Amino acid sequence: MRRLLPELILSLLFGILVLAAAHYQRGYWAVGAEVVLPIALLIILLRTEIEI
């Protein structure tokens, strides 16, 4: 998990940037999609990390 920590921090920062851009550009429906997709990707990443 300690090896994964920098990737998590970077992905969270990137997610915040994407959220801000989506909110500014397209409105609230895009913000919902931008919240769900990174969370789903994070869950998939953590599951594959556990299996490896």
Protein backbone atom coordinates (compact mmCIF):
# COMPACT_ATOMS: atom_id res chain seq x y z
CA MET A 1 0.00 0.00 0.00
CA ARG A 2 2.90 2.35 0.72
CA ARG A 3 4.12 1.84 -2.85
CA LEU A 4 0.68 2.83 -4.12
CA LEU A 5 0.46 6.04 -2.07
CA PRO A 6 2.13 8.46 -4.56
CA GLU A 7 -0.11 7.16 -7.34
CA LEU A 8 -3.19 7.70 -5.17
CA ILE A 9 -2.17 11.25 -4.33
CA LEU A 10 -1.49 12.07 -7.98
CA SER A 11 -4.76 10.52 -9.10
CA LEU A 12 -6.67 12.48 -6.46
CA LEU A 13 -5.04 15.74 -7.59
CA PHE A 14 -5.78 14.91 -11.20
CA GLY A 15 -9.36 14.04 -10.26
CA ILE A 16 -9.79 17.40 -8.56
CA LEU A 17 -8.45 19.16 -11.66
CA VAL A 18 -10.80 17.22 -13.92
CA LEU A 19 -13.72 17.92 -11.59
CA ALA A 20 -13.02 21.63 -11.65
CA ALA A 21 -12.72 21.63 -15.44
CA ALA A 22 -15.91 19.60 -15.89
CA HIS A 23 -17.84 21.87 -13.53
CA TYR A 24 -16.57 24.99 -15.26
CA GLN A 25 -17.06 23.72 -18.82
CA ARG A 26 -20.14 21.50 -18.89
CA GLY A 27 -22.15 21.72 -15.74
CA TYR A 28 -23.30 19.42 -12.97
CA TRP A 29 -24.12 16.25 -14.97
CA ALA A 30 -20.48 16.00 -16.07
CA VAL A 31 -19.32 16.45 -12.49
CA GLY A 32 -21.32 13.35 -11.50
CA ALA A 33 -19.65 11.32 -14.23
CA GLU A 34 -16.23 12.62 -13.26
CA VAL A 35 -16.81 11.57 -9.66
CA VAL A 36 -18.02 8.05 -10.48
CA LEU A 37 -15.36 7.13 -13.05
CA PRO A 38 -12.22 7.77 -10.93
CA ILE A 39 -13.79 5.95 -7.97
CA ALA A 40 -14.54 2.95 -10.18
CA LEU A 41 -11.00 3.00 -11.56
CA LEU A 42 -9.56 3.23 -8.04
CA ILE A 43 -11.62 0.23 -6.90
CA ILE A 44 -10.42 -1.78 -9.92
CA LEU A 45 -6.81 -0.73 -9.24
CA LEU A 46 -7.01 -1.74 -5.58
CA ARG A 47 -8.58 -5.10 -6.42
CA THR A 48 -5.87 -5.92 -8.95
CA GLU A 49 -3.21 -4.80 -6.44
CA ILE A 50 -4.63 -7.20 -3.86
CA GLU A 51 -4.74 -10.11 -6.34
CA ILE A 52 -1.13 -9.55 -7.41
